[in-house]
Amino acid sequence: QLHKVRFLNISHNKLAEMPDCIGSLTSIEMLDLSSNEILVMLPSIGNLVHCETMTLGLNILEGLPREVGNLRSIKYLTLESNNIKSLPVEMGKLSNLEKLVISGNREIY
């Protein structure tokens, strides 16, 4: 019943993983999962084709799934202070991306 949710902030909840239901929130425009303990983003994150702002900073992410390339509406993506080592090539498809924050990922290349 949450398919009409447009803004979701579940930051600061000590989540160890991305909740499965998030991939079904296809109307979402803003998603904040920052300041949790998320290690892996599920491929279903690519279903959020209307999302314009996604905040994933301050987790323990080691990377992103290639499905992130489906986020064609994304304008602002923050990934700061994670453990990301590389970004998927599919991010090149994000033609609306205006701001990408990747600071604090010590091993990124």
N, C-alpha and C. Protein backbone atom coordinates (compact mmCIF):
# COMPACT_ATOMS: atom_id res chain seq x y z
N GLN A 1 0.80 -1.20 0.00
CA GLN A 1 0.00 0.00 0.00
C GLN A 1 0.85 1.27 0.00
N LEU A 2 2.15 1.12 -0.05
CA LEU A 2 3.03 2.29 -0.02
C LEU A 2 3.48 2.72 -1.42
N HIS A 3 2.86 2.18 -2.45
CA HIS A 3 3.33 2.46 -3.81
C HIS A 3 3.21 3.92 -4.22
N LYS A 4 2.47 4.74 -3.48
CA LYS A 4 2.34 6.16 -3.81
C LYS A 4 3.28 7.05 -3.01
N VAL A 5 4.10 6.46 -2.16
CA VAL A 5 5.05 7.24 -1.36
C VAL A 5 6.02 7.96 -2.29
N ARG A 6 6.21 9.26 -2.06
CA ARG A 6 7.12 10.05 -2.89
C ARG A 6 8.39 10.44 -2.15
N PHE A 7 8.34 10.55 -0.84
CA PHE A 7 9.50 10.94 -0.04
C PHE A 7 9.64 9.97 1.12
N LEU A 8 10.83 9.40 1.28
CA LEU A 8 11.05 8.43 2.35
C LEU A 8 12.40 8.69 2.99
N ASN A 9 12.39 8.93 4.28
CA ASN A 9 13.62 9.12 5.05
C ASN A 9 13.64 8.06 6.14
N ILE A 10 14.54 7.10 6.01
CA ILE A 10 14.73 6.09 7.05
C ILE A 10 16.20 6.08 7.46
N SER A 11 16.75 7.26 7.58
CA SER A 11 18.14 7.41 8.02
C SER A 11 18.25 7.18 9.53
N HIS A 12 19.47 6.94 9.98
CA HIS A 12 19.77 6.80 11.41
C HIS A 12 18.95 5.70 12.10
N ASN A 13 18.85 4.54 11.45
CA ASN A 13 18.08 3.44 12.02
C ASN A 13 18.89 2.16 12.23
N LYS A 14 20.18 2.20 12.01
CA LYS A 14 21.05 1.03 12.17
C LYS A 14 20.61 -0.15 11.31
N LEU A 15 20.04 0.17 10.14
CA LEU A 15 19.64 -0.89 9.21
C LEU A 15 20.88 -1.59 8.67
N ALA A 16 20.88 -2.91 8.67
CA ALA A 16 22.00 -3.69 8.16
C ALA A 16 21.86 -3.96 6.67
N GLU A 17 20.65 -3.82 6.15
CA GLU A 17 20.42 -4.04 4.72
C GLU A 17 19.29 -3.15 4.24
N MET A 18 19.28 -2.95 2.93
CA MET A 18 18.21 -2.18 2.33
C MET A 18 16.92 -2.99 2.44
N PRO A 19 15.85 -2.42 2.98
CA PRO A 19 14.58 -3.14 3.07
C PRO A 19 14.08 -3.55 1.68
N ASP A 20 13.64 -4.80 1.53
CA ASP A 20 13.18 -5.32 0.25
C ASP A 20 12.08 -4.47 -0.38
N CYS A 21 11.20 -3.94 0.44
CA CYS A 21 10.03 -3.21 -0.06
C CYS A 21 10.40 -1.93 -0.80
N ILE A 22 11.58 -1.41 -0.59
CA ILE A 22 11.95 -0.14 -1.22
C ILE A 22 11.93 -0.25 -2.74
N GLY A 23 12.32 -1.38 -3.27
CA GLY A 23 12.31 -1.56 -4.72
C GLY A 23 10.93 -1.48 -5.35
N SER A 24 9.89 -1.61 -4.55
CA SER A 24 8.52 -1.52 -5.07
C SER A 24 7.94 -0.11 -4.97
N LEU A 25 8.70 0.82 -4.43
CA LEU A 25 8.22 2.21 -4.27
C LEU A 25 8.52 2.99 -5.55
N THR A 26 7.88 2.62 -6.63
CA THR A 26 8.21 3.16 -7.94
C THR A 26 7.85 4.63 -8.13
N SER A 27 7.09 5.22 -7.22
CA SER A 27 6.74 6.65 -7.32
C SER A 27 7.68 7.53 -6.52
N ILE A 28 8.63 6.92 -5.86
CA ILE A 28 9.49 7.68 -4.94
C ILE A 28 10.34 8.69 -5.70
N GLU A 29 10.45 9.89 -5.14
CA GLU A 29 11.26 10.96 -5.72
C GLU A 29 12.48 11.27 -4.87
N MET A 30 12.38 11.00 -3.56
CA MET A 30 13.50 11.25 -2.65
C MET A 30 13.62 10.09 -1.68
N LEU A 31 14.83 9.52 -1.61
CA LEU A 31 15.09 8.41 -0.70
C LEU A 31 16.33 8.71 0.12
N ASP A 32 16.19 8.66 1.43
CA ASP A 32 17.32 8.88 2.34
C ASP A 32 17.53 7.64 3.19
N LEU A 33 18.61 6.92 2.90
CA LEU A 33 19.01 5.74 3.66
C LEU A 33 20.34 5.99 4.37
N SER A 34 20.69 7.23 4.57
CA SER A 34 21.99 7.57 5.14
C SER A 34 22.08 7.19 6.62
N SER A 35 23.31 7.12 7.08
CA SER A 35 23.60 6.87 8.50
C SER A 35 22.97 5.59 9.03
N ASN A 36 23.12 4.53 8.26
CA ASN A 36 22.71 3.20 8.69
C ASN A 36 23.95 2.32 8.66
N GLU A 37 23.79 1.04 8.53
CA GLU A 37 24.92 0.11 8.47
C GLU A 37 24.77 -0.82 7.28
N ILE A 38 24.30 -0.26 6.17
CA ILE A 38 24.00 -1.02 4.96
C ILE A 38 25.28 -1.36 4.22
N LEU A 39 25.45 -2.65 3.94
CA LEU A 39 26.63 -3.15 3.24
C LEU A 39 26.39 -3.26 1.74
N VAL A 40 25.17 -3.68 1.35
CA VAL A 40 24.87 -3.95 -0.06
C VAL A 40 23.52 -3.32 -0.43
N MET A 41 23.49 -2.67 -1.57
CA MET A 41 22.23 -2.19 -2.12
C MET A 41 21.68 -3.28 -3.03
N LEU A 42 20.41 -3.58 -2.91
CA LEU A 42 19.79 -4.61 -3.73
C LEU A 42 19.60 -4.12 -5.17
N PRO A 43 19.64 -5.04 -6.15
CA PRO A 43 19.42 -4.65 -7.54
C PRO A 43 18.08 -3.96 -7.75
N SER A 44 17.09 -4.22 -6.90
CA SER A 44 15.77 -3.60 -7.05
C SER A 44 15.83 -2.08 -6.88
N ILE A 45 16.95 -1.54 -6.43
CA ILE A 45 17.10 -0.08 -6.35
C ILE A 45 16.91 0.55 -7.74
N GLY A 46 17.21 -0.23 -8.76
CA GLY A 46 17.05 0.24 -10.14
C GLY A 46 15.60 0.44 -10.56
N ASN A 47 14.65 -0.02 -9.76
CA ASN A 47 13.23 0.17 -10.06
C ASN A 47 12.76 1.59 -9.75
N LEU A 48 13.56 2.36 -9.05
CA LEU A 48 13.14 3.69 -8.60
C LEU A 48 13.41 4.73 -9.69
N VAL A 49 12.79 4.54 -10.83
CA VAL A 49 13.09 5.34 -12.02
C VAL A 49 12.65 6.80 -11.91
N HIS A 50 11.82 7.14 -10.92
CA HIS A 50 11.38 8.53 -10.74
C HIS A 50 12.15 9.24 -9.63
N CYS A 51 13.05 8.54 -9.01
CA CYS A 51 13.81 9.11 -7.89
C CYS A 51 14.78 10.18 -8.41
N GLU A 52 14.72 11.36 -7.82
CA GLU A 52 15.60 12.47 -8.20
C GLU A 52 16.72 12.68 -7.20
N THR A 53 16.49 12.32 -5.94
CA THR A 53 17.48 12.51 -4.88
C THR A 53 17.61 11.23 -4.09
N MET A 54 18.85 10.73 -3.99
CA MET A 54 19.11 9.52 -3.22
C MET A 54 20.32 9.77 -2.34
N THR A 55 20.13 9.57 -1.04
CA THR A 55 21.19 9.81 -0.07
C THR A 55 21.55 8.48 0.59
N LEU A 56 22.76 8.01 0.31
CA LEU A 56 23.23 6.72 0.80
C LEU A 56 24.51 6.86 1.62
N GLY A 57 24.86 8.05 1.98
CA GLY A 57 26.10 8.30 2.72
C GLY A 57 26.08 7.72 4.12
N LEU A 58 27.28 7.59 4.67
CA LEU A 58 27.47 7.14 6.06
C LEU A 58 26.88 5.75 6.31
N ASN A 59 27.16 4.84 5.41
CA ASN A 59 26.83 3.43 5.56
C ASN A 59 28.16 2.67 5.46
N ILE A 60 28.12 1.42 5.10
CA ILE A 60 29.35 0.66 4.87
C ILE A 60 29.30 -0.01 3.50
N LEU A 61 28.65 0.67 2.56
CA LEU A 61 28.51 0.16 1.20
C LEU A 61 29.87 -0.10 0.57
N GLU A 62 29.99 -1.24 -0.09
CA GLU A 62 31.23 -1.56 -0.81
C GLU A 62 31.09 -1.30 -2.30
N GLY A 63 29.90 -1.03 -2.75
CA GLY A 63 29.65 -0.77 -4.16
C GLY A 63 28.17 -0.60 -4.41
N LEU A 64 27.85 -0.45 -5.68
CA LEU A 64 26.45 -0.30 -6.10
C LEU A 64 26.17 -1.34 -7.17
N PRO A 65 24.92 -1.82 -7.25
CA PRO A 65 24.58 -2.77 -8.31
C PRO A 65 24.53 -2.05 -9.66
N ARG A 66 24.74 -2.80 -10.73
CA ARG A 66 24.72 -2.17 -12.06
C ARG A 66 23.36 -1.58 -12.39
N GLU A 67 22.30 -2.06 -11.72
CA GLU A 67 20.95 -1.54 -11.95
C GLU A 67 20.81 -0.07 -11.57
N VAL A 68 21.80 0.49 -10.89
CA VAL A 68 21.77 1.92 -10.58
C VAL A 68 21.71 2.73 -11.88
N GLY A 69 22.14 2.14 -12.97
CA GLY A 69 22.07 2.81 -14.27
C GLY A 69 20.65 3.05 -14.76
N ASN A 70 19.67 2.41 -14.12
CA ASN A 70 18.26 2.61 -14.48
C ASN A 70 17.67 3.87 -13.86
N LEU A 71 18.39 4.52 -12.97
CA LEU A 71 17.88 5.69 -12.25
C LEU A 71 17.97 6.94 -13.14
N ARG A 72 17.25 6.93 -14.22
CA ARG A 72 17.36 7.98 -15.24
C ARG A 72 16.93 9.36 -14.76
N SER A 73 16.13 9.45 -13.70
CA SER A 73 15.66 10.75 -13.19
C SER A 73 16.58 11.31 -12.12
N ILE A 74 17.56 10.55 -11.68
CA ILE A 74 18.39 10.96 -10.54
C ILE A 74 19.17 12.23 -10.86
N LYS A 75 19.09 13.19 -9.96
CA LYS A 75 19.83 14.45 -10.09
C LYS A 75 20.92 14.55 -9.03
N TYR A 76 20.62 14.08 -7.82
CA TYR A 76 21.55 14.19 -6.70
C TYR A 76 21.75 12.81 -6.08
N LEU A 77 23.00 12.36 -6.06
CA LEU A 77 23.33 11.06 -5.49
C LEU A 77 24.50 11.25 -4.54
N THR A 78 24.27 10.96 -3.28
CA THR A 78 25.34 11.10 -2.30
C THR A 78 25.73 9.73 -1.76
N LEU A 79 27.01 9.46 -1.82
CA LEU A 79 27.59 8.18 -1.42
C LEU A 79 28.75 8.37 -0.47
N GLU A 80 28.85 9.52 0.16
CA GLU A 80 30.02 9.84 0.97
C GLU A 80 30.18 8.92 2.17
N SER A 81 31.41 8.74 2.56
CA SER A 81 31.78 8.00 3.78
C SER A 81 31.22 6.58 3.81
N ASN A 82 31.52 5.84 2.77
CA ASN A 82 31.21 4.42 2.68
C ASN A 82 32.54 3.69 2.46
N ASN A 83 32.48 2.46 1.98
CA ASN A 83 33.68 1.69 1.64
C ASN A 83 33.70 1.35 0.16
N ILE A 84 33.17 2.24 -0.65
CA ILE A 84 33.05 1.99 -2.08
C ILE A 84 34.44 2.01 -2.72
N LYS A 85 34.70 0.96 -3.50
CA LYS A 85 35.99 0.84 -4.16
C LYS A 85 35.92 1.26 -5.63
N SER A 86 34.77 1.07 -6.25
CA SER A 86 34.58 1.48 -7.64
C SER A 86 33.10 1.69 -7.91
N LEU A 87 32.82 2.44 -8.96
CA LEU A 87 31.45 2.71 -9.36
C LEU A 87 31.14 1.92 -10.62
N PRO A 88 29.92 1.42 -10.76
CA PRO A 88 29.58 0.64 -11.96
C PRO A 88 29.59 1.50 -13.22
N VAL A 89 30.01 0.93 -14.31
CA VAL A 89 30.05 1.62 -15.60
C VAL A 89 28.67 2.15 -15.97
N GLU A 90 27.65 1.46 -15.56
CA GLU A 90 26.27 1.85 -15.89
C GLU A 90 25.90 3.23 -15.36
N MET A 91 26.68 3.76 -14.44
CA MET A 91 26.40 5.12 -13.96
C MET A 91 26.54 6.15 -15.07
N GLY A 92 27.22 5.78 -16.14
CA GLY A 92 27.34 6.66 -17.30
C GLY A 92 26.01 6.93 -17.98
N LYS A 93 24.99 6.15 -17.66
CA LYS A 93 23.65 6.33 -18.23
C LYS A 93 22.85 7.40 -17.49
N LEU A 94 23.37 7.90 -16.39
CA LEU A 94 22.63 8.85 -15.55
C LEU A 94 22.74 10.26 -16.13
N SER A 95 22.03 10.50 -17.21
CA SER A 95 22.17 11.75 -17.97
C SER A 95 21.63 12.97 -17.23
N ASN A 96 20.80 12.79 -16.21
CA ASN A 96 20.27 13.93 -15.46
C ASN A 96 21.06 14.22 -14.18
N LEU A 97 22.07 13.42 -13.91
CA LEU A 97 22.84 13.58 -12.68
C LEU A 97 23.56 14.92 -12.67
N GLU A 98 23.27 15.73 -11.65
CA GLU A 98 23.88 17.05 -11.50
C GLU A 98 24.94 17.06 -10.40
N LYS A 99 24.72 16.24 -9.36
CA LYS A 99 25.64 16.26 -8.23
C LYS A 99 25.87 14.84 -7.73
N LEU A 100 27.14 14.45 -7.70
CA LEU A 100 27.55 13.15 -7.18
C LEU A 100 28.57 13.41 -6.08
N VAL A 101 28.27 12.94 -4.88
CA VAL A 101 29.17 13.13 -3.75
C VAL A 101 29.75 11.78 -3.36
N ILE A 102 31.07 11.62 -3.52
CA ILE A 102 31.72 10.35 -3.21
C ILE A 102 32.90 10.54 -2.26
N SER A 103 32.97 11.66 -1.60
CA SER A 103 34.08 11.91 -0.68
C SER A 103 34.04 10.93 0.49
N GLY A 104 35.18 10.66 1.06
CA GLY A 104 35.26 9.79 2.22
C GLY A 104 35.24 8.31 1.92
N ASN A 105 35.39 7.95 0.64
CA ASN A 105 35.53 6.55 0.22
C ASN A 105 37.01 6.36 -0.11
N ARG A 106 37.78 5.96 0.87
CA ARG A 106 39.25 6.00 0.78
C ARG A 106 39.84 5.18 -0.37
N GLU A 107 39.18 4.12 -0.78
CA GLU A 107 39.79 3.24 -1.77
C GLU A 107 39.16 3.36 -3.15
N ILE A 108 38.37 4.37 -3.39
CA ILE A 108 37.67 4.48 -4.68
C ILE A 108 38.66 4.82 -5.79
N TYR A 109 38.41 4.21 -6.93
CA TYR A 109 39.21 4.50 -8.14
C TYR A 109 38.33 4.54 -9.33
